[in-house]
Each structure stands twice: as C-alpha cells, then as structure tokens.
Amino acid sequence: MPPRFTIMDASTGKVVSHQVTEDGQALFRAAGVPGLGYKVYGVSGAESPRPAGTLSATANSLENAFFKVVFDAAGNITSILDKAAGGRELVDAFAPAKFNQLQVNEAYAGGTVRLTWKVGSLTAEMLADGPAGALGVESMRRRVVLHEAVPRIDIENEVLKADGGDR
C-alpha cells in the first residue's frame, strides 16, 4: 500500500475510516457485508481527511462513545461506565478482587506494572505489562481495546509461566 491512502466503499463511493497498525496493516470496518457474500472496497493513493472520532485515552483510562474504562496502577479495571445506560457503573467497587485481576493461591510482592496506551482512528488500547505477583508466573500482559462506533470492550490476558515451576 502507498504510505498515504484512502479506502472507499465501491458500492456507495463513501470513504471508509481506517487505521494503520504498527506492522503496516490497514484496519477498517467493513459494514453491510452479506452473510454469504462479499463487498468490494477500493484503495487509492490519495489521503482523505479523517473524521473526528470519539476515542480517547489518558494515563489510566480509555473512552469511546459507549464506555469509559478506568485502571489502577497495577493495571486492574476499577471502573467501567456504560454511557448508553446513563453512566451506569458495571464494576462492583466492593468486590474482594478487582475486575480482570489475576487470582492466585500463593502471592508474592511483584514488581512495577507498566501502563501504556495508544489511540488510533478505529481503536484505543491500554496495555498493562509486568510481573503477575504469583509463584510460577514470570509475567502477565493485559490488553483492553475499545472500538470507534462499536459498543464492545475486548480484554486479552497473556500469562507467561516460569520455567520449572508447577505452582
């Protein structure tokens, strides 16, 4: 693909928002594709202006038109506000464990978790990288993704088990 380009819906002629990933792939939302069919999109070398979106991020939060997700310093989710339900809180603040917190039988004091975020035109994501604080676990990576114009939260957890430990 050219360094700057536009993706267009061939059936409507409308420009489709896209985002280029770190590995150079183009990400776009293919709307209206029939269940047993296909839809054609074209790519041109000219870049069109990008519409302003609703995605945003801070050092401890992600937000789109549907949700606001807040994280603590350890990368646990402390709040999810559902904007479509009038700002309804979806996380129980009084629960014994945090939302998406790794639960272990034998814990130890882990190191520092590094929170990093990035915002594109179609997705906003928060990464929590660091030690898991559990025997037999070398590290843990948690990734939370919000999408532009899609009422969905993606949560991915990756646990790297330490060599030799069965705990």
Foldseek 3Di string as FASTA:
>chain_A
DAPAKWKAFPVPRHTWDWWQDPVGDIDTDDPPQDPPGGTDIDMDPDHDDADDAQWDDDQAWTDHPAWIWGADQQGFTQWIFGVVVVRDTPWDNPDPDTHPQDDADDFADWDGWHWDWDDTSFKIKIKTWGCNRYPQWRIKIWMWMDTTPDNDIDIDIDTHGDPPDPD
